[in-house]
Amino acid sequence: MNEAQGEITTEHVYLVKPCLDLQNEYMDFYQEWKQSGESMVPWVISKDPSDFQGMVQFLLNNEKGEHLPEGWVPDSTFWLVSENNKVIGAVNIRHRLTEQLLHCGGHIGYGIRPSERRNGYATKLLFLALEKTKELGINKVLVVCDEGNVASEKTILNNGGVQDTSYVEENGNVIKRYWIKL
């Protein structure tokens, strides 16, 4: 079965840096997520896009390490986009780890819009993000998920994740930590 027959394929998706050309597609992505009422992951997609040009510039500045809040590290954001420019997901790659990121943030945070989940996109998104991470010179990548997030855990394992000790946050939430060697 192929896409024309109803099966979804992840072969024709790719990562792009945030750009003004995809404003309408990104706004559709953002609005769907907001309407779902779910937590927006990675954190960068929770940034209000009403000043779209400003939001894109903020993301590009973060990659360059410009105007970062104290204690933040440079990070790169990419959107997972289909052939018809639909924004399916987003990934945020931290260029290095702080103590906090080592415990419960990791190098990579990613998310797939609610209507596109369970189609293999998260596994593909993490795979593509790992390629970008390697380009940054990071050869051992920390990826984390909440203990109850079975789908994210499966995604990490599908990309070669090896479990490390978990981290328990002050509120009792357990963060499962996985390393992926590139």
C-alpha atoms as a PDB file:
ATOM      1  CA  MET A   1       0.000   0.000   0.000  1.00  0.00           C
ATOM      2  CA  ASN A   2       1.251   3.534  -0.698  1.00  0.00           C
ATOM      3  CA  GLU A   3       0.175   7.077   0.200  1.00  0.00           C
ATOM      4  CA  ALA A   4      -2.345   7.193  -2.640  1.00  0.00           C
ATOM      5  CA  GLN A   5      -3.982   4.063  -1.219  1.00  0.00           C
ATOM      6  CA  GLY A   6      -4.129   5.503   2.288  1.00  0.00           C
ATOM      7  CA  GLU A   7      -0.870   4.433   3.925  1.00  0.00           C
ATOM      8  CA  ILE A   8       1.272   7.207   5.303  1.00  0.00           C
ATOM      9  CA  THR A   9       4.967   7.147   4.490  1.00  0.00           C
ATOM     10  CA  THR A  10       7.682   9.028   6.330  1.00  0.00           C
ATOM     11  CA  GLU A  11      10.083   8.868   3.377  1.00  0.00           C
ATOM     12  CA  HIS A  12       9.068  12.252   1.997  1.00  0.00           C
ATOM     13  CA  VAL A  13       9.612  14.455   5.032  1.00  0.00           C
ATOM     14  CA  TYR A  14      12.601  16.610   5.801  1.00  0.00           C
ATOM     15  CA  LEU A  15      13.906  19.134   8.309  1.00  0.00           C
ATOM     16  CA  VAL A  16      13.944  22.860   7.595  1.00  0.00           C
ATOM     17  CA  LYS A  17      15.092  25.770   9.678  1.00  0.00           C
ATOM     18  CA  PRO A  18      12.297  28.101  10.744  1.00  0.00           C
ATOM     19  CA  CYS A  19      11.512  30.444   7.856  1.00  0.00           C
ATOM     20  CA  LEU A  20       8.999  33.089   6.848  1.00  0.00           C
ATOM     21  CA  ASP A  21       7.944  31.101   3.751  1.00  0.00           C
ATOM     22  CA  LEU A  22       6.146  28.554   5.950  1.00  0.00           C
ATOM     23  CA  GLN A  23       4.179  31.032   8.074  1.00  0.00           C
ATOM     24  CA  ASN A  24       0.707  29.747   7.115  1.00  0.00           C
ATOM     25  CA  GLU A  25       1.724  26.112   7.511  1.00  0.00           C
ATOM     26  CA  TYR A  26       3.377  26.784  10.862  1.00  0.00           C
ATOM     27  CA  MET A  27       0.357  28.733  12.128  1.00  0.00           C
ATOM     28  CA  ASP A  28      -1.852  25.746  11.236  1.00  0.00           C
ATOM     29  CA  PHE A  29       0.540  23.473  13.178  1.00  0.00           C
ATOM     30  CA  TYR A  30       0.567  25.865  16.154  1.00  0.00           C
ATOM     31  CA  GLN A  31      -3.213  26.332  16.239  1.00  0.00           C
ATOM     32  CA  GLU A  32      -3.869  22.579  16.096  1.00  0.00           C
ATOM     33  CA  TRP A  33      -1.549  22.032  19.044  1.00  0.00           C
ATOM     34  CA  LYS A  34      -3.048  24.913  21.053  1.00  0.00           C
ATOM     35  CA  GLN A  35      -6.589  23.638  20.413  1.00  0.00           C
ATOM     36  CA  SER A  36      -5.596  20.159  21.603  1.00  0.00           C
ATOM     37  CA  GLY A  37      -4.889  21.540  25.080  1.00  0.00           C
ATOM     38  CA  GLU A  38      -1.770  19.369  25.342  1.00  0.00           C
ATOM     39  CA  SER A  39       1.632  20.544  26.555  1.00  0.00           C
ATOM     40  CA  MET A  40       3.603  21.945  23.643  1.00  0.00           C
ATOM     41  CA  VAL A  41       6.811  20.000  23.064  1.00  0.00           C
ATOM     42  CA  PRO A  42       9.525  21.009  22.382  1.00  0.00           C
ATOM     43  CA  TRP A  43       9.352  24.198  24.413  1.00  0.00           C
ATOM     44  CA  VAL A  44      10.084  26.447  21.399  1.00  0.00           C
ATOM     45  CA  ILE A  45       6.689  25.755  19.827  1.00  0.00           C
ATOM     46  CA  SER A  46       4.970  27.323  22.830  1.00  0.00           C
ATOM     47  CA  LYS A  47       6.476  30.677  21.813  1.00  0.00           C
ATOM     48  CA  ASP A  48       3.676  32.969  20.605  1.00  0.00           C
ATOM     49  CA  PRO A  49       3.937  33.219  16.797  1.00  0.00           C
ATOM     50  CA  SER A  50       1.708  36.316  16.438  1.00  0.00           C
ATOM     51  CA  ASP A  51       4.898  38.250  15.576  1.00  0.00           C
ATOM     52  CA  PHE A  52       5.992  35.499  13.220  1.00  0.00           C
ATOM     53  CA  GLN A  53       9.062  37.307  11.902  1.00  0.00           C
ATOM     54  CA  GLY A  54      10.162  38.047  15.476  1.00  0.00           C
ATOM     55  CA  MET A  55       9.650  34.425  16.506  1.00  0.00           C
ATOM     56  CA  VAL A  56      11.701  33.133  13.575  1.00  0.00           C
ATOM     57  CA  GLN A  57      14.457  35.650  14.353  1.00  0.00           C
ATOM     58  CA  PHE A  58      14.413  34.571  18.026  1.00  0.00           C
ATOM     59  CA  LEU A  59      14.927  30.942  16.977  1.00  0.00           C
ATOM     60  CA  LEU A  60      17.732  31.821  14.558  1.00  0.00           C
ATOM     61  CA  ASN A  61      19.406  34.004  17.218  1.00  0.00           C
ATOM     62  CA  ASN A  62      19.285  31.085  19.677  1.00  0.00           C
ATOM     63  CA  GLU A  63      21.189  28.962  17.176  1.00  0.00           C
ATOM     64  CA  LYS A  64      23.908  31.614  16.979  1.00  0.00           C
ATOM     65  CA  GLY A  65      23.940  31.994  20.758  1.00  0.00           C
ATOM     66  CA  GLU A  66      22.810  35.618  20.473  1.00  0.00           C
ATOM     67  CA  HIS A  67      20.663  37.325  23.145  1.00  0.00           C
ATOM     68  CA  LEU A  68      20.314  34.152  25.218  1.00  0.00           C
ATOM     69  CA  PRO A  69      18.981  34.407  28.766  1.00  0.00           C
ATOM     70  CA  GLU A  70      21.580  33.730  31.442  1.00  0.00           C
ATOM     71  CA  GLY A  71      22.248  30.023  31.867  1.00  0.00           C
ATOM     72  CA  TRP A  72      20.875  29.052  28.451  1.00  0.00           C
ATOM     73  CA  VAL A  73      22.889  27.262  25.795  1.00  0.00           C
ATOM     74  CA  PRO A  74      22.698  27.778  22.032  1.00  0.00           C
ATOM     75  CA  ASP A  75      20.084  25.565  20.385  1.00  0.00           C
ATOM     76  CA  SER A  76      18.919  24.803  16.864  1.00  0.00           C
ATOM     77  CA  THR A  77      15.275  24.410  15.929  1.00  0.00           C
ATOM     78  CA  PHE A  78      14.012  22.572  12.862  1.00  0.00           C
ATOM     79  CA  TRP A  79      10.535  21.855  11.557  1.00  0.00           C
ATOM     80  CA  LEU A  80       9.620  18.473  10.106  1.00  0.00           C
ATOM     81  CA  VAL A  81       7.894  19.259   6.829  1.00  0.00           C
ATOM     82  CA  SER A  82       6.137  17.106   4.237  1.00  0.00           C
ATOM     83  CA  GLU A  83       6.444  17.413   0.452  1.00  0.00           C
ATOM     84  CA  ASN A  84       3.414  19.710   0.400  1.00  0.00           C
ATOM     85  CA  ASN A  85       4.998  21.918   3.121  1.00  0.00           C
ATOM     86  CA  LYS A  86       2.754  20.734   5.952  1.00  0.00           C
ATOM     87  CA  VAL A  87       4.554  21.258   9.264  1.00  0.00           C
ATOM     88  CA  ILE A  88       4.277  17.870  10.962  1.00  0.00           C
ATOM     89  CA  GLY A  89       6.609  18.313  13.908  1.00  0.00           C
ATOM     90  CA  ALA A  90       9.415  20.281  15.479  1.00  0.00           C
ATOM     91  CA  VAL A  91      12.728  19.493  17.116  1.00  0.00           C
ATOM     92  CA  ASN A  92      15.011  21.576  19.313  1.00  0.00           C
ATOM     93  CA  ILE A  93      18.663  20.564  19.623  1.00  0.00           C
ATOM     94  CA  ARG A  94      20.726  21.939  22.503  1.00  0.00           C
ATOM     95  CA  HIS A  95      24.366  22.381  21.490  1.00  0.00           C
ATOM     96  CA  ARG A  96      25.684  21.389  24.921  1.00  0.00           C
ATOM     97  CA  LEU A  97      24.316  20.299  28.288  1.00  0.00           C
ATOM     98  CA  THR A  98      24.002  22.269  31.495  1.00  0.00           C
ATOM     99  CA  GLU A  99      23.542  20.386  34.762  1.00  0.00           C
ATOM    100  CA  GLN A 100      19.771  20.842  34.449  1.00  0.00           C
ATOM    101  CA  LEU A 101      19.721  19.559  30.851  1.00  0.00           C
ATOM    102  CA  LEU A 102      21.874  16.602  31.919  1.00  0.00           C
ATOM    103  CA  HIS A 103      19.202  15.630  34.442  1.00  0.00           C
ATOM    104  CA  CYS A 104      15.950  16.291  32.659  1.00  0.00           C
ATOM    105  CA  GLY A 105      16.265  18.080  29.305  1.00  0.00           C
ATOM    106  CA  GLY A 106      18.821  16.300  27.201  1.00  0.00           C
ATOM    107  CA  HIS A 107      20.216  17.414  23.864  1.00  0.00           C
ATOM    108  CA  ILE A 108      17.031  16.896  21.852  1.00  0.00           C
ATOM    109  CA  GLY A 109      13.385  17.745  22.448  1.00  0.00           C
ATOM    110  CA  TYR A 110      10.833  16.899  19.768  1.00  0.00           C
ATOM    111  CA  GLY A 111       7.123  16.707  19.126  1.00  0.00           C
ATOM    112  CA  ILE A 112       4.631  15.709  16.438  1.00  0.00           C
ATOM    113  CA  ARG A 113       1.352  17.568  15.895  1.00  0.00           C
ATOM    114  CA  PRO A 114      -1.573  15.645  17.413  1.00  0.00           C
ATOM    115  CA  SER A 115      -3.246  14.684  14.109  1.00  0.00           C
ATOM    116  CA  GLU A 116      -0.058  13.106  12.726  1.00  0.00           C
ATOM    117  CA  ARG A 117       0.908  10.859  15.633  1.00  0.00           C
ATOM    118  CA  ARG A 118       1.193   7.071  15.398  1.00  0.00           C
ATOM    119  CA  ASN A 119       2.429   7.305  11.826  1.00  0.00           C
ATOM    120  CA  GLY A 120       6.170   6.848  12.443  1.00  0.00           C
ATOM    121  CA  TYR A 121       6.978  10.546  12.193  1.00  0.00           C
ATOM    122  CA  ALA A 122       8.556  10.818  15.658  1.00  0.00           C
ATOM    123  CA  THR A 123      11.049   8.055  14.885  1.00  0.00           C
ATOM    124  CA  LYS A 124      11.903   9.747  11.571  1.00  0.00           C
ATOM    125  CA  LEU A 125      12.142  13.172  13.239  1.00  0.00           C
ATOM    126  CA  LEU A 126      14.557  11.904  15.887  1.00  0.00           C
ATOM    127  CA  PHE A 127      16.601  10.083  13.225  1.00  0.00           C
ATOM    128  CA  LEU A 128      16.938  13.299  11.192  1.00  0.00           C
ATOM    129  CA  ALA A 129      17.685  15.311  14.342  1.00  0.00           C
ATOM    130  CA  LEU A 130      20.501  12.920  15.224  1.00  0.00           C
ATOM    131  CA  GLU A 131      22.078  13.656  11.825  1.00  0.00           C
ATOM    132  CA  LYS A 132      21.926  17.403  12.619  1.00  0.00           C
ATOM    133  CA  THR A 133      23.346  16.757  16.082  1.00  0.00           C
ATOM    134  CA  LYS A 134      26.278  14.886  14.574  1.00  0.00           C
ATOM    135  CA  GLU A 135      26.893  17.855  12.238  1.00  0.00           C
ATOM    136  CA  LEU A 136      27.225  19.987  15.385  1.00  0.00           C
ATOM    137  CA  GLY A 137      30.041  17.688  16.549  1.00  0.00           C
ATOM    138  CA  ILE A 138      27.998  15.971  19.251  1.00  0.00           C
ATOM    139  CA  ASN A 139      28.706  12.245  19.100  1.00  0.00           C
ATOM    140  CA  LYS A 140      26.968  11.106  22.285  1.00  0.00           C
ATOM    141  CA  VAL A 141      23.425  12.426  22.570  1.00  0.00           C
ATOM    142  CA  LEU A 142      21.160  12.475  25.614  1.00  0.00           C
ATOM    143  CA  VAL A 143      17.429  12.112  24.914  1.00  0.00           C
ATOM    144  CA  VAL A 144      14.891  11.988  27.739  1.00  0.00           C
ATOM    145  CA  CYS A 145      11.185  11.342  28.257  1.00  0.00           C
ATOM    146  CA  ASP A 146       8.738  11.131  31.118  1.00  0.00           C
ATOM    147  CA  GLU A 147       8.403   7.638  32.554  1.00  0.00           C
ATOM    148  CA  GLY A 148       4.807   7.301  31.345  1.00  0.00           C
ATOM    149  CA  ASN A 149       5.496   8.419  27.782  1.00  0.00           C
ATOM    150  CA  VAL A 150       5.660   4.981  26.165  1.00  0.00           C
ATOM    151  CA  ALA A 151       5.522   6.366  22.604  1.00  0.00           C
ATOM    152  CA  SER A 152       8.525   8.632  23.158  1.00  0.00           C
ATOM    153  CA  GLU A 153      10.445   5.854  24.879  1.00  0.00           C
ATOM    154  CA  LYS A 154       9.799   3.580  21.878  1.00  0.00           C
ATOM    155  CA  THR A 155      10.972   6.358  19.530  1.00  0.00           C
ATOM    156  CA  ILE A 156      14.217   6.737  21.491  1.00  0.00           C
ATOM    157  CA  LEU A 157      14.803   2.976  21.582  1.00  0.00           C
ATOM    158  CA  ASN A 158      14.103   2.734  17.821  1.00  0.00           C
ATOM    159  CA  ASN A 159      16.952   5.213  17.320  1.00  0.00           C
ATOM    160  CA  GLY A 160      19.476   3.269  19.402  1.00  0.00           C
ATOM    161  CA  GLY A 161      18.867   4.726  22.849  1.00  0.00           C
ATOM    162  CA  VAL A 162      20.612   2.997  25.755  1.00  0.00           C
ATOM    163  CA  GLN A 163      18.991   3.627  29.120  1.00  0.00           C
ATOM    164  CA  ASP A 164      20.913   5.427  31.848  1.00  0.00           C
ATOM    165  CA  THR A 165      19.758   6.115  35.395  1.00  0.00           C
ATOM    166  CA  SER A 166      16.452   7.937  35.652  1.00  0.00           C
ATOM    167  CA  TYR A 167      16.110  11.340  37.298  1.00  0.00           C
ATOM    168  CA  VAL A 168      13.327  12.145  39.753  1.00  0.00           C
ATOM    169  CA  GLU A 169      12.164  15.749  39.706  1.00  0.00           C
ATOM    170  CA  GLU A 170      11.137  17.584  42.895  1.00  0.00           C
ATOM    171  CA  ASN A 171       7.458  16.958  42.077  1.00  0.00           C
ATOM    172  CA  GLY A 172       8.097  13.189  41.855  1.00  0.00           C
ATOM    173  CA  ASN A 173       7.974  13.013  38.045  1.00  0.00           C
ATOM    174  CA  VAL A 174      10.424  10.395  36.773  1.00  0.00           C
ATOM    175  CA  ILE A 175      12.539  11.326  33.742  1.00  0.00           C
ATOM    176  CA  LYS A 176      13.922   8.360  31.807  1.00  0.00           C
ATOM    177  CA  ARG A 177      17.339   9.169  30.327  1.00  0.00           C
ATOM    178  CA  TYR A 178      18.833   7.524  27.217  1.00  0.00           C
ATOM    179  CA  TRP A 179      22.170   7.964  25.456  1.00  0.00           C
ATOM    180  CA  ILE A 180      22.565   7.484  21.715  1.00  0.00           C
ATOM    181  CA  LYS A 181      26.086   7.118  20.311  1.00  0.00           C
ATOM    182  CA  LEU A 182      26.542   8.446  16.771  1.00  0.00           C
END
